[in-house]
């Protein structure tokens, strides 16, 4: 029998986010949409940091997220290995297993495009 386990990691500190203890936060700034996975502690800090700005901002309603390509694992094994190798070569710290942050994936994609 094969069992696959997926762990959600806090994008700020790499800590494992236990089921129900944290959230994925979507937000937009200067025309770009972002998404970050945060533990309960970092989620509270994010909300506190945003509060002075959201208290005086105008709500513009729902802005649909950009469509994402669905994948059961997010990336194939070869791509994940390539990203990890590139990150190590460029002094970017990523875990040996688990999720790779969107920031690192984007930097890898940009480096490959050059």
PDB file of N, CA and C in Angstrom:
ATOM      1  N   UNK A   1       0.842  -1.164   0.000  1.00  0.00           N
ATOM      2  CA  UNK A   1       0.000   0.000   0.000  1.00  0.00           C
ATOM      3  C   UNK A   1       0.894   1.236   0.000  1.00  0.00           C
ATOM      4  N   UNK A   2       0.500   2.217  -0.782  1.00  0.00           N
ATOM      5  CA  UNK A   2       1.260   3.462  -0.869  1.00  0.00           C
ATOM      6  C   UNK A   2       0.452   4.566  -0.207  1.00  0.00           C
ATOM      7  N   UNK A   3       1.126   5.395   0.554  1.00  0.00           N
ATOM      8  CA  UNK A   3       0.468   6.525   1.209  1.00  0.00           C
ATOM      9  C   UNK A   3       1.288   7.778   0.924  1.00  0.00           C
ATOM     10  N   UNK A   4       0.623   8.798   0.399  1.00  0.00           N
ATOM     11  CA  UNK A   4       1.280  10.065   0.122  1.00  0.00           C
ATOM     12  C   UNK A   4       0.779  11.088   1.123  1.00  0.00           C
ATOM     13  N   UNK A   5       1.698  11.803   1.734  1.00  0.00           N
ATOM     14  CA  UNK A   5       1.338  12.828   2.702  1.00  0.00           C
ATOM     15  C   UNK A   5       1.796  14.177   2.171  1.00  0.00           C
ATOM     16  N   UNK A   6       0.901  15.154   2.230  1.00  0.00           N
ATOM     17  CA  UNK A   6       1.231  16.510   1.807  1.00  0.00           C
ATOM     18  C   UNK A   6       1.206  17.397   3.043  1.00  0.00           C
ATOM     19  N   UNK A   7       2.260  18.157   3.240  1.00  0.00           N
ATOM     20  CA  UNK A   7       2.322  19.072   4.371  1.00  0.00           C
ATOM     21  C   UNK A   7       2.257  20.501   3.866  1.00  0.00           C
ATOM     22  N   UNK A   8       1.478  21.316   4.551  1.00  0.00           N
ATOM     23  CA  UNK A   8       1.414  22.739   4.252  1.00  0.00           C
ATOM     24  C   UNK A   8       2.444  23.422   5.145  1.00  0.00           C
ATOM     25  N   UNK A   9       3.316  24.229   4.535  1.00  0.00           N
ATOM     26  CA  UNK A   9       4.379  24.899   5.275  1.00  0.00           C
ATOM     27  C   UNK A   9       4.161  26.401   5.279  1.00  0.00           C
ATOM     28  N   UNK A  10       4.476  27.031   6.403  1.00  0.00           N
ATOM     29  CA  UNK A  10       4.412  28.481   6.517  1.00  0.00           C
ATOM     30  C   UNK A  10       5.463  29.069   5.579  1.00  0.00           C
ATOM     31  N   UNK A  11       5.035  29.963   4.689  1.00  0.00           N
ATOM     32  CA  UNK A  11       5.953  30.538   3.710  1.00  0.00           C
ATOM     33  C   UNK A  11       6.987  31.473   4.338  1.00  0.00           C
ATOM     34  N   UNK A  12       6.745  31.959   5.543  1.00  0.00           N
ATOM     35  CA  UNK A  12       7.714  32.851   6.190  1.00  0.00           C
ATOM     36  C   UNK A  12       8.827  32.093   6.896  1.00  0.00           C
ATOM     37  N   UNK A  13       8.458  31.049   7.634  1.00  0.00           N
ATOM     38  CA  UNK A  13       9.475  30.381   8.439  1.00  0.00           C
ATOM     39  C   UNK A  13       9.646  28.896   8.137  1.00  0.00           C
ATOM     40  N   UNK A  14       8.867  28.358   7.218  1.00  0.00           N
ATOM     41  CA  UNK A  14       9.010  26.960   6.830  1.00  0.00           C
ATOM     42  C   UNK A  14       8.421  25.957   7.797  1.00  0.00           C
ATOM     43  N   UNK A  15       7.785  26.434   8.875  1.00  0.00           N
ATOM     44  CA  UNK A  15       7.194  25.525   9.857  1.00  0.00           C
ATOM     45  C   UNK A  15       5.979  24.812   9.265  1.00  0.00           C
ATOM     46  N   UNK A  16       5.773  23.576   9.696  1.00  0.00           N
ATOM     47  CA  UNK A  16       4.613  22.808   9.252  1.00  0.00           C
ATOM     48  C   UNK A  16       3.356  23.429   9.847  1.00  0.00           C
ATOM     49  N   UNK A  17       2.342  23.615   9.012  1.00  0.00           N
ATOM     50  CA  UNK A  17       1.052  24.133   9.473  1.00  0.00           C
ATOM     51  C   UNK A  17       0.145  22.930   9.683  1.00  0.00           C
ATOM     52  N   UNK A  18      -0.207  22.678  10.928  1.00  0.00           N
ATOM     53  CA  UNK A  18      -1.088  21.556  11.242  1.00  0.00           C
ATOM     54  C   UNK A  18      -2.485  21.848  10.715  1.00  0.00           C
ATOM     55  N   UNK A  19      -3.246  20.797  10.480  1.00  0.00           N
ATOM     56  CA  UNK A  19      -4.603  20.926   9.954  1.00  0.00           C
ATOM     57  C   UNK A  19      -5.427  21.903  10.787  1.00  0.00           C
ATOM     58  N   UNK A  20      -5.954  22.931  10.152  1.00  0.00           N
ATOM     59  CA  UNK A  20      -6.803  23.900  10.836  1.00  0.00           C
ATOM     60  C   UNK A  20      -6.050  24.974  11.596  1.00  0.00           C
ATOM     61  N   UNK A  21      -4.724  24.942  11.583  1.00  0.00           N
ATOM     62  CA  UNK A  21      -3.925  25.915  12.333  1.00  0.00           C
ATOM     63  C   UNK A  21      -3.170  26.813  11.361  1.00  0.00           C
ATOM     64  N   UNK A  22      -3.905  27.707  10.723  1.00  0.00           N
ATOM     65  CA  UNK A  22      -3.304  28.602   9.750  1.00  0.00           C
ATOM     66  C   UNK A  22      -4.206  28.722   8.543  1.00  0.00           C
ATOM     67  N   UNK A  23      -3.716  29.402   7.515  1.00  0.00           N
ATOM     68  CA  UNK A  23      -4.554  29.619   6.337  1.00  0.00           C
ATOM     69  C   UNK A  23      -3.704  30.061   5.160  1.00  0.00           C
ATOM     70  N   UNK A  24      -4.293  29.915   3.989  1.00  0.00           N
ATOM     71  CA  UNK A  24      -3.726  30.490   2.784  1.00  0.00           C
ATOM     72  C   UNK A  24      -4.404  31.834   2.583  1.00  0.00           C
ATOM     73  N   UNK A  25      -3.625  32.898   2.493  1.00  0.00           N
ATOM     74  CA  UNK A  25      -4.158  34.249   2.375  1.00  0.00           C
ATOM     75  C   UNK A  25      -3.912  34.751   0.957  1.00  0.00           C
ATOM     76  N   UNK A  26      -4.965  35.250   0.328  1.00  0.00           N
ATOM     77  CA  UNK A  26      -4.850  35.879  -0.988  1.00  0.00           C
ATOM     78  C   UNK A  26      -5.016  37.375  -0.809  1.00  0.00           C
ATOM     79  N   UNK A  27      -4.184  38.150  -1.490  1.00  0.00           N
ATOM     80  CA  UNK A  27      -4.323  39.600  -1.426  1.00  0.00           C
ATOM     81  C   UNK A  27      -3.760  40.199  -2.706  1.00  0.00           C
ATOM     82  N   UNK A  28      -4.089  41.453  -2.940  1.00  0.00           N
ATOM     83  CA  UNK A  28      -3.605  42.140  -4.136  1.00  0.00           C
ATOM     84  C   UNK A  28      -2.943  43.445  -3.714  1.00  0.00           C
ATOM     85  N   UNK A  29      -1.902  43.823  -4.457  1.00  0.00           N
ATOM     86  CA  UNK A  29      -1.188  45.063  -4.181  1.00  0.00           C
ATOM     87  C   UNK A  29      -0.590  45.557  -5.486  1.00  0.00           C
ATOM     88  N   UNK A  30      -0.863  46.798  -5.812  1.00  0.00           N
ATOM     89  CA  UNK A  30      -0.355  47.452  -7.017  1.00  0.00           C
ATOM     90  C   UNK A  30      -0.595  46.622  -8.281  1.00  0.00           C
ATOM     91  N   UNK A  31      -1.806  46.072  -8.366  1.00  0.00           N
ATOM     92  CA  UNK A  31      -2.214  45.353  -9.567  1.00  0.00           C
ATOM     93  C   UNK A  31      -1.781  43.905  -9.645  1.00  0.00           C
ATOM     94  N   UNK A  32      -1.023  43.426  -8.674  1.00  0.00           N
ATOM     95  CA  UNK A  32      -0.594  42.032  -8.662  1.00  0.00           C
ATOM     96  C   UNK A  32      -1.308  41.283  -7.548  1.00  0.00           C
ATOM     97  N   UNK A  33      -1.687  40.049  -7.825  1.00  0.00           N
ATOM     98  CA  UNK A  33      -2.328  39.197  -6.828  1.00  0.00           C
ATOM     99  C   UNK A  33      -1.285  38.280  -6.214  1.00  0.00           C
ATOM    100  N   UNK A  34      -1.421  38.055  -4.917  1.00  0.00           N
ATOM    101  CA  UNK A  34      -0.474  37.230  -4.185  1.00  0.00           C
ATOM    102  C   UNK A  34      -1.231  36.205  -3.354  1.00  0.00           C
ATOM    103  N   UNK A  35      -0.536  35.151  -2.990  1.00  0.00           N
ATOM    104  CA  UNK A  35      -1.080  34.134  -2.108  1.00  0.00           C
ATOM    105  C   UNK A  35       0.059  33.662  -1.219  1.00  0.00           C
ATOM    106  N   UNK A  36      -0.206  33.526   0.075  1.00  0.00           N
ATOM    107  CA  UNK A  36       0.820  33.110   1.027  1.00  0.00           C
ATOM    108  C   UNK A  36       0.184  32.173   2.046  1.00  0.00           C
ATOM    109  N   UNK A  37       0.910  31.122   2.418  1.00  0.00           N
ATOM    110  CA  UNK A  37       0.458  30.189   3.443  1.00  0.00           C
ATOM    111  C   UNK A  37       1.085  30.617   4.760  1.00  0.00           C
ATOM    112  N   UNK A  38       0.237  30.801   5.778  1.00  0.00           N
ATOM    113  CA  UNK A  38       0.718  31.299   7.062  1.00  0.00           C
ATOM    114  C   UNK A  38       0.190  30.458   8.215  1.00  0.00           C
ATOM    115  N   UNK A  39       1.032  30.254   9.229  1.00  0.00           N
ATOM    116  CA  UNK A  39       0.600  29.619  10.469  1.00  0.00           C
ATOM    117  C   UNK A  39      -0.336  30.588  11.182  1.00  0.00           C
ATOM    118  N   UNK A  40      -1.016  30.110  12.208  1.00  0.00           N
ATOM    119  CA  UNK A  40      -1.942  30.967  12.948  1.00  0.00           C
ATOM    120  C   UNK A  40      -1.225  32.199  13.506  1.00  0.00           C
ATOM    121  N   UNK A  41      -0.013  32.007  14.007  1.00  0.00           N
ATOM    122  CA  UNK A  41       0.752  33.121  14.582  1.00  0.00           C
ATOM    123  C   UNK A  41       1.101  34.163  13.516  1.00  0.00           C
ATOM    124  N   UNK A  42       1.608  33.716  12.380  1.00  0.00           N
ATOM    125  CA  UNK A  42       1.971  34.658  11.322  1.00  0.00           C
ATOM    126  C   UNK A  42       0.747  35.253  10.641  1.00  0.00           C
ATOM    127  N   UNK A  43      -0.360  34.514  10.623  1.00  0.00           N
ATOM    128  CA  UNK A  43      -1.612  35.050  10.093  1.00  0.00           C
ATOM    129  C   UNK A  43      -2.087  36.217  10.957  1.00  0.00           C
ATOM    130  N   UNK A  44      -2.007  36.052  12.278  1.00  0.00           N
ATOM    131  CA  UNK A  44      -2.391  37.134  13.187  1.00  0.00           C
ATOM    132  C   UNK A  44      -1.489  38.353  12.985  1.00  0.00           C
ATOM    133  N   UNK A  45      -0.193  38.122  12.793  1.00  0.00           N
ATOM    134  CA  UNK A  45       0.742  39.228  12.567  1.00  0.00           C
ATOM    135  C   UNK A  45       0.444  39.926  11.241  1.00  0.00           C
ATOM    136  N   UNK A  46       0.113  39.147  10.201  1.00  0.00           N
ATOM    137  CA  UNK A  46      -0.227  39.721   8.895  1.00  0.00           C
ATOM    138  C   UNK A  46      -1.471  40.599   9.019  1.00  0.00           C
ATOM    139  N   UNK A  47      -2.495  40.076   9.698  1.00  0.00           N
ATOM    140  CA  UNK A  47      -3.737  40.850   9.874  1.00  0.00           C
ATOM    141  C   UNK A  47      -3.470  42.133  10.658  1.00  0.00           C
ATOM    142  N   UNK A  48      -2.657  42.039  11.699  1.00  0.00           N
ATOM    143  CA  UNK A  48      -2.340  43.224  12.503  1.00  0.00           C
ATOM    144  C   UNK A  48      -1.577  44.255  11.670  1.00  0.00           C
ATOM    145  N   UNK A  49      -0.661  43.791  10.831  1.00  0.00           N
ATOM    146  CA  UNK A  49       0.112  44.708   9.988  1.00  0.00           C
ATOM    147  C   UNK A  49      -0.768  45.386   8.941  1.00  0.00           C
ATOM    148  N   UNK A  50      -1.762  44.678   8.438  1.00  0.00           N
ATOM    149  CA  UNK A  50      -2.639  45.224   7.398  1.00  0.00           C
ATOM    150  C   UNK A  50      -3.743  46.120   7.959  1.00  0.00           C
ATOM    151  N   UNK A  51      -4.094  45.935   9.216  1.00  0.00           N
ATOM    152  CA  UNK A  51      -5.240  46.631   9.808  1.00  0.00           C
ATOM    153  C   UNK A  51      -5.205  48.151   9.642  1.00  0.00           C
ATOM    154  N   UNK A  52      -4.087  48.849   9.890  1.00  0.00           N
ATOM    155  CA  UNK A  52      -4.095  50.305   9.718  1.00  0.00           C
ATOM    156  C   UNK A  52      -4.462  50.727   8.289  1.00  0.00           C
ATOM    157  N   UNK A  53      -4.110  49.904   7.332  1.00  0.00           N
ATOM    158  CA  UNK A  53      -4.385  50.229   5.928  1.00  0.00           C
ATOM    159  C   UNK A  53      -5.807  49.840   5.530  1.00  0.00           C
ATOM    160  N   UNK A  54      -6.251  48.672   5.978  1.00  0.00           N
ATOM    161  CA  UNK A  54      -7.607  48.248   5.612  1.00  0.00           C
ATOM    162  C   UNK A  54      -8.664  49.080   6.327  1.00  0.00           C
ATOM    163  N   UNK A  55      -8.328  49.622   7.498  1.00  0.00           N
ATOM    164  CA  UNK A  55      -9.294  50.457   8.224  1.00  0.00           C
ATOM    165  C   UNK A  55      -9.635  51.739   7.466  1.00  0.00           C
ATOM    166  N   UNK A  56      -8.715  52.234   6.654  1.00  0.00           N
ATOM    167  CA  UNK A  56      -8.953  53.495   5.943  1.00  0.00           C
ATOM    168  C   UNK A  56      -9.088  53.301   4.432  1.00  0.00           C
ATOM    169  N   UNK A  57      -9.132  52.054   3.997  1.00  0.00           N
ATOM    170  CA  UNK A  57      -9.233  51.759   2.560  1.00  0.00           C
ATOM    171  C   UNK A  57     -10.679  51.618   2.126  1.00  0.00           C
ATOM    172  N   UNK A  58     -10.888  51.702   0.813  1.00  0.00           N
ATOM    173  CA  UNK A  58     -12.203  51.445   0.222  1.00  0.00           C
ATOM    174  C   UNK A  58     -12.216  50.021  -0.297  1.00  0.00           C
ATOM    175  N   UNK A  59     -13.291  49.304  -0.014  1.00  0.00           N
ATOM    176  CA  UNK A  59     -13.442  47.952  -0.574  1.00  0.00           C
ATOM    177  C   UNK A  59     -13.875  48.084  -2.018  1.00  0.00           C
ATOM    178  N   UNK A  60     -13.303  47.284  -2.868  1.00  0.00           N
ATOM    179  CA  UNK A  60     -13.665  47.330  -4.279  1.00  0.00           C
ATOM    180  C   UNK A  60     -14.456  46.100  -4.691  1.00  0.00           C
ATOM    181  N   UNK A  61     -14.792  45.261  -3.751  1.00  0.00           N
ATOM    182  CA  UNK A  61     -15.565  44.066  -4.062  1.00  0.00           C
ATOM    183  C   UNK A  61     -14.673  42.895  -4.382  1.00  0.00           C
ATOM    184  N   UNK A  62     -15.283  41.869  -4.866  1.00  0.00           N
ATOM    185  CA  UNK A  62     -14.578  40.632  -5.166  1.00  0.00           C
ATOM    186  C   UNK A  62     -13.775  40.776  -6.447  1.00  0.00           C
ATOM    187  N   UNK A  63     -12.519  40.423  -6.387  1.00  0.00           N
ATOM    188  CA  UNK A  63     -11.667  40.396  -7.570  1.00  0.00           C
ATOM    189  C   UNK A  63     -11.304  38.933  -7.797  1.00  0.00           C
ATOM    190  N   UNK A  64     -11.781  38.351  -8.898  1.00  0.00           N
ATOM    191  CA  UNK A  64     -11.499  36.927  -9.104  1.00  0.00           C
ATOM    192  C   UNK A  64     -10.006  36.665  -9.254  1.00  0.00           C
ATOM    193  N   UNK A  65      -9.589  35.563  -8.704  1.00  0.00           N
ATOM    194  CA  UNK A  65      -8.184  35.179  -8.806  1.00  0.00           C
ATOM    195  C   UNK A  65      -7.869  34.762 -10.234  1.00  0.00           C
ATOM    196  N   UNK A  66      -6.615  34.905 -10.590  1.00  0.00           N
ATOM    197  CA  UNK A  66      -6.189  34.453 -11.908  1.00  0.00           C
ATOM    198  C   UNK A  66      -6.346  32.934 -11.957  1.00  0.00           C
ATOM    199  N   UNK A  67      -6.769  32.403 -13.098  1.00  0.00           N
ATOM    200  CA  UNK A  67      -6.910  30.949 -13.189  1.00  0.00           C
ATOM    201  C   UNK A  67      -5.572  30.252 -12.965  1.00  0.00           C
ATOM    202  N   UNK A  68      -5.637  29.139 -12.269  1.00  0.00           N
ATOM    203  CA  UNK A  68      -4.429  28.375 -11.981  1.00  0.00           C
ATOM    204  C   UNK A  68      -4.510  27.027 -12.665  1.00  0.00           C
ATOM    205  N   UNK A  69      -3.386  26.525 -13.038  1.00  0.00           N
ATOM    206  CA  UNK A  69      -3.324  25.201 -13.642  1.00  0.00           C
ATOM    207  C   UNK A  69      -3.401  24.177 -12.524  1.00  0.00           C
ATOM    208  N   UNK A  70      -4.374  23.291 -12.621  1.00  0.00           N
ATOM    209  CA  UNK A  70      -4.553  22.277 -11.586  1.00  0.00           C
ATOM    210  C   UNK A  70      -3.572  21.137 -11.801  1.00  0.00           C
ATOM    211  N   UNK A  71      -3.049  20.639 -10.703  1.00  0.00           N
ATOM    212  CA  UNK A  71      -2.156  19.495 -10.756  1.00  0.00           C
ATOM    213  C   UNK A  71      -2.252  18.763  -9.442  1.00  0.00           C
ATOM    214  N   UNK A  72      -2.247  17.466  -9.482  1.00  0.00           N
ATOM    215  CA  UNK A  72      -2.383  16.701  -8.248  1.00  0.00           C
ATOM    216  C   UNK A  72      -1.206  16.921  -7.312  1.00  0.00           C
ATOM    217  N   UNK A  73      -0.016  17.059  -7.847  1.00  0.00           N
ATOM    218  CA  UNK A  73       1.159  17.239  -7.004  1.00  0.00           C
ATOM    219  C   UNK A  73       1.764  18.627  -7.146  1.00  0.00           C
ATOM    220  N   UNK A  74       1.219  19.452  -8.025  1.00  0.00           N
ATOM    221  CA  UNK A  74       1.753  20.788  -8.217  1.00  0.00           C
ATOM    222  C   UNK A  74       2.867  20.812  -9.243  1.00  0.00           C
ATOM    223  N   UNK A  75       3.766  19.886  -9.184  1.00  0.00           N
ATOM    224  CA  UNK A  75       4.879  19.796 -10.126  1.00  0.00           C
ATOM    225  C   UNK A  75       5.340  18.350 -10.168  1.00  0.00           C
ATOM    226  N   UNK A  76       5.979  17.992 -11.266  1.00  0.00           N
ATOM    227  CA  UNK A  76       6.503  16.635 -11.299  1.00  0.00           C
ATOM    228  C   UNK A  76       7.824  16.581 -10.538  1.00  0.00           C
ATOM    229  N   UNK A  77       8.239  15.395 -10.222  1.00  0.00           N
ATOM    230  CA  UNK A  77       9.425  15.183  -9.388  1.00  0.00           C
ATOM    231  C   UNK A  77      10.680  15.812  -9.996  1.00  0.00           C
ATOM    232  N   UNK A  78      10.845  15.679 -11.308  1.00  0.00           N
ATOM    233  CA  UNK A  78      12.035  16.235 -11.968  1.00  0.00           C
ATOM    234  C   UNK A  78      12.083  17.754 -11.832  1.00  0.00           C
ATOM    235  N   UNK A  79      10.922  18.401 -11.986  1.00  0.00           N
ATOM    236  CA  UNK A  79      10.896  19.862 -11.854  1.00  0.00           C
ATOM    237  C   UNK A  79      11.226  20.278 -10.425  1.00  0.00           C
ATOM    238  N   UNK A  80      10.663  19.572  -9.440  1.00  0.00           N
ATOM    239  CA  UNK A  80      10.949  19.903  -8.042  1.00  0.00           C
ATOM    240  C   UNK A  80      12.441  19.736  -7.745  1.00  0.00           C
ATOM    241  N   UNK A  81      13.048  18.673  -8.265  1.00  0.00           N
ATOM    242  CA  UNK A  81      14.484  18.469  -8.065  1.00  0.00           C
ATOM    243  C   UNK A  81      15.287  19.591  -8.716  1.00  0.00           C
ATOM    244  N   UNK A  82      14.861  20.009  -9.903  1.00  0.00           N
ATOM    245  CA  UNK A  82      15.560  21.093 -10.602  1.00  0.00           C
ATOM    246  C   UNK A  82      15.451  22.400  -9.824  1.00  0.00           C
ATOM    247  N   UNK A  83      14.264  22.683  -9.284  1.00  0.00           N
ATOM    248  CA  UNK A  83      14.066  23.910  -8.500  1.00  0.00           C
ATOM    249  C   UNK A  83      14.945  23.880  -7.258  1.00  0.00           C
ATOM    250  N   UNK A  84      14.954  22.736  -6.554  1.00  0.00           N
ATOM    251  CA  UNK A  84      15.768  22.629  -5.337  1.00  0.00           C
ATOM    252  C   UNK A  84      17.262  22.778  -5.651  1.00  0.00           C
ATOM    253  N   UNK A  85      17.713  22.168  -6.739  1.00  0.00           N
ATOM    254  CA  UNK A  85      19.124  22.281  -7.127  1.00  0.00           C
ATOM    255  C   UNK A  85      19.465  23.723  -7.479  1.00  0.00           C
ATOM    256  N   UNK A  86      18.592  24.386  -8.230  1.00  0.00           N
ATOM    257  CA  UNK A  86      18.815  25.786  -8.596  1.00  0.00           C
ATOM    258  C   UNK A  86      18.853  26.656  -7.341  1.00  0.00           C
ATOM    259  N   UNK A  87      17.906  26.417  -6.416  1.00  0.00           N
ATOM    260  CA  UNK A  87      17.850  27.212  -5.187  1.00  0.00           C
ATOM    261  C   UNK A  87      19.143  27.045  -4.385  1.00  0.00           C
ATOM    262  N   UNK A  88      19.620  25.810  -4.245  1.00  0.00           N
ATOM    263  CA  UNK A  88      20.851  25.559  -3.486  1.00  0.00           C
ATOM    264  C   UNK A  88      22.039  26.265  -4.131  1.00  0.00           C
ATOM    265  N   UNK A  89      22.121  26.218  -5.446  1.00  0.00           N
ATOM    266  CA  UNK A  89      23.208  26.874  -6.177  1.00  0.00           C
ATOM    267  C   UNK A  89      23.175  28.384  -5.992  1.00  0.00           C
ATOM    268  N   UNK A  90      21.966  28.931  -5.820  1.00  0.00           N
ATOM    269  CA  UNK A  90      21.805  30.377  -5.707  1.00  0.00           C
ATOM    270  C   UNK A  90      21.634  30.853  -4.271  1.00  0.00           C
ATOM    271  N   UNK A  91      21.946  29.985  -3.307  1.00  0.00           N
ATOM    272  CA  UNK A  91      21.911  30.377  -1.901  1.00  0.00           C
ATOM    273  C   UNK A  91      20.525  30.587  -1.334  1.00  0.00           C
ATOM    274  N   UNK A  92      19.527  29.977  -1.955  1.00  0.00           N
ATOM    275  CA  UNK A  92      18.152  30.091  -1.467  1.00  0.00           C
ATOM    276  C   UNK A  92      17.833  28.829  -0.688  1.00  0.00           C
ATOM    277  N   UNK A  93      17.382  28.992   0.545  1.00  0.00           N
ATOM    278  CA  UNK A  93      17.131  27.850   1.407  1.00  0.00           C
ATOM    279  C   UNK A  93      15.728  27.295   1.171  1.00  0.00           C
ATOM    280  N   UNK A  94      15.651  26.029   0.802  1.00  0.00           N
ATOM    281  CA  UNK A  94      14.374  25.319   0.675  1.00  0.00           C
ATOM    282  C   UNK A  94      14.525  23.969   1.356  1.00  0.00           C
ATOM    283  N   UNK A  95      13.409  23.419   1.818  1.00  0.00           N
ATOM    284  CA  UNK A  95      13.457  22.122   2.480  1.00  0.00           C
ATOM    285  C   UNK A  95      13.708  21.017   1.460  1.00  0.00           C
ATOM    286  N   UNK A  96      14.229  19.896   1.943  1.00  0.00           N
ATOM    287  CA  UNK A  96      14.499  18.756   1.065  1.00  0.00           C
ATOM    288  C   UNK A  96      13.213  18.088   0.600  1.00  0.00           C
ATOM    289  N   UNK A  97      12.154  18.263   1.368  1.00  0.00           N
ATOM    290  CA  UNK A  97      10.860  17.667   1.036  1.00  0.00           C
ATOM    291  C   UNK A  97       9.773  18.690   1.286  1.00  0.00           C
ATOM    292  N   UNK A  98       8.602  18.437   0.731  1.00  0.00           N
ATOM    293  CA  UNK A  98       7.456  19.309   0.976  1.00  0.00           C
ATOM    294  C   UNK A  98       7.322  20.398  -0.066  1.00  0.00           C
ATOM    295  N   UNK A  99       6.474  21.336   0.252  1.00  0.00           N
ATOM    296  CA  UNK A  99       6.098  22.405  -0.660  1.00  0.00           C
ATOM    297  C   UNK A  99       7.247  23.388  -0.863  1.00  0.00           C
ATOM    298  N   UNK A 100       7.355  23.882  -2.081  1.00  0.00           N
ATOM    299  CA  UNK A 100       8.311  24.948  -2.401  1.00  0.00           C
ATOM    300  C   UNK A 100       7.487  26.218  -2.596  1.00  0.00           C
ATOM    301  N   UNK A 101       7.863  27.290  -1.938  1.00  0.00           N
ATOM    302  CA  UNK A 101       7.070  28.519  -1.979  1.00  0.00           C
ATOM    303  C   UNK A 101       6.938  29.065  -3.397  1.00  0.00           C
ATOM    304  N   UNK A 102       5.859  29.784  -3.606  1.00  0.00           N
ATOM    305  CA  UNK A 102       5.605  30.410  -4.895  1.00  0.00           C
ATOM    306  C   UNK A 102       6.692  31.399  -5.274  1.00  0.00           C
ATOM    307  N   UNK A 103       7.272  32.060  -4.293  1.00  0.00           N
ATOM    308  CA  UNK A 103       8.336  33.029  -4.548  1.00  0.00           C
ATOM    309  C   UNK A 103       9.554  32.342  -5.163  1.00  0.00           C
ATOM    310  N   UNK A 104       9.923  31.191  -4.608  1.00  0.00           N
ATOM    311  CA  UNK A 104      11.076  30.447  -5.131  1.00  0.00           C
ATOM    312  C   UNK A 104      10.757  29.899  -6.513  1.00  0.00           C
ATOM    313  N   UNK A 105       9.542  29.375  -6.693  1.00  0.00           N
ATOM    314  CA  UNK A 105       9.134  28.852  -8.005  1.00  0.00           C
ATOM    315  C   UNK A 105       9.188  29.956  -9.069  1.00  0.00           C
ATOM    316  N   UNK A 106       8.708  31.145  -8.696  1.00  0.00           N
ATOM    317  CA  UNK A 106       8.699  32.268  -9.635  1.00  0.00           C
ATOM    318  C   UNK A 106      10.128  32.698  -9.983  1.00  0.00           C
ATOM    319  N   UNK A 107      10.993  32.757  -8.977  1.00  0.00           N
ATOM    320  CA  UNK A 107      12.389  33.129  -9.226  1.00  0.00           C
ATOM    321  C   UNK A 107      13.058  32.101 -10.146  1.00  0.00           C
ATOM    322  N   UNK A 108      12.772  30.823  -9.923  1.00  0.00           N
ATOM    323  CA  UNK A 108      13.313  29.761 -10.777  1.00  0.00           C
ATOM    324  C   UNK A 108      12.825  29.937 -12.210  1.00  0.00           C
ATOM    325  N   UNK A 109      11.523  30.169 -12.374  1.00  0.00           N
ATOM    326  CA  UNK A 109      10.952  30.347 -13.717  1.00  0.00           C
ATOM    327  C   UNK A 109      11.581  31.549 -14.416  1.00  0.00           C
ATOM    328  N   UNK A 110      11.760  32.643 -13.680  1.00  0.00           N
ATOM    329  CA  UNK A 110      12.384  33.840 -14.259  1.00  0.00           C
ATOM    330  C   UNK A 110      13.827  33.565 -14.671  1.00  0.00           C
ATOM    331  N   UNK A 111      14.548  32.806 -13.849  1.00  0.00           N
ATOM    332  CA  UNK A 111      15.937  32.483 -14.170  1.00  0.00           C
ATOM    333  C   UNK A 111      16.014  31.587 -15.406  1.00  0.00           C
ATOM    334  N   UNK A 112      15.065  30.686 -15.556  1.00  0.00           N
ATOM    335  CA  UNK A 112      15.057  29.785 -16.711  1.00  0.00           C
ATOM    336  C   UNK A 112      14.693  30.528 -17.992  1.00  0.00           C
ATOM    337  N   UNK A 113      13.908  31.604 -17.852  1.00  0.00           N
ATOM    338  CA  UNK A 113      13.456  32.366 -19.020  1.00  0.00           C
ATOM    339  C   UNK A 113      14.575  33.228 -19.603  1.00  0.00           C
ATOM    340  N   UNK A 114      15.609  33.479 -18.811  1.00  0.00           N
ATOM    341  CA  UNK A 114      16.707  34.356 -19.268  1.00  0.00           C
ATOM    342  C   UNK A 114      17.633  33.635 -20.203  1.00  0.00           C
TER     343      UNK A 114
END
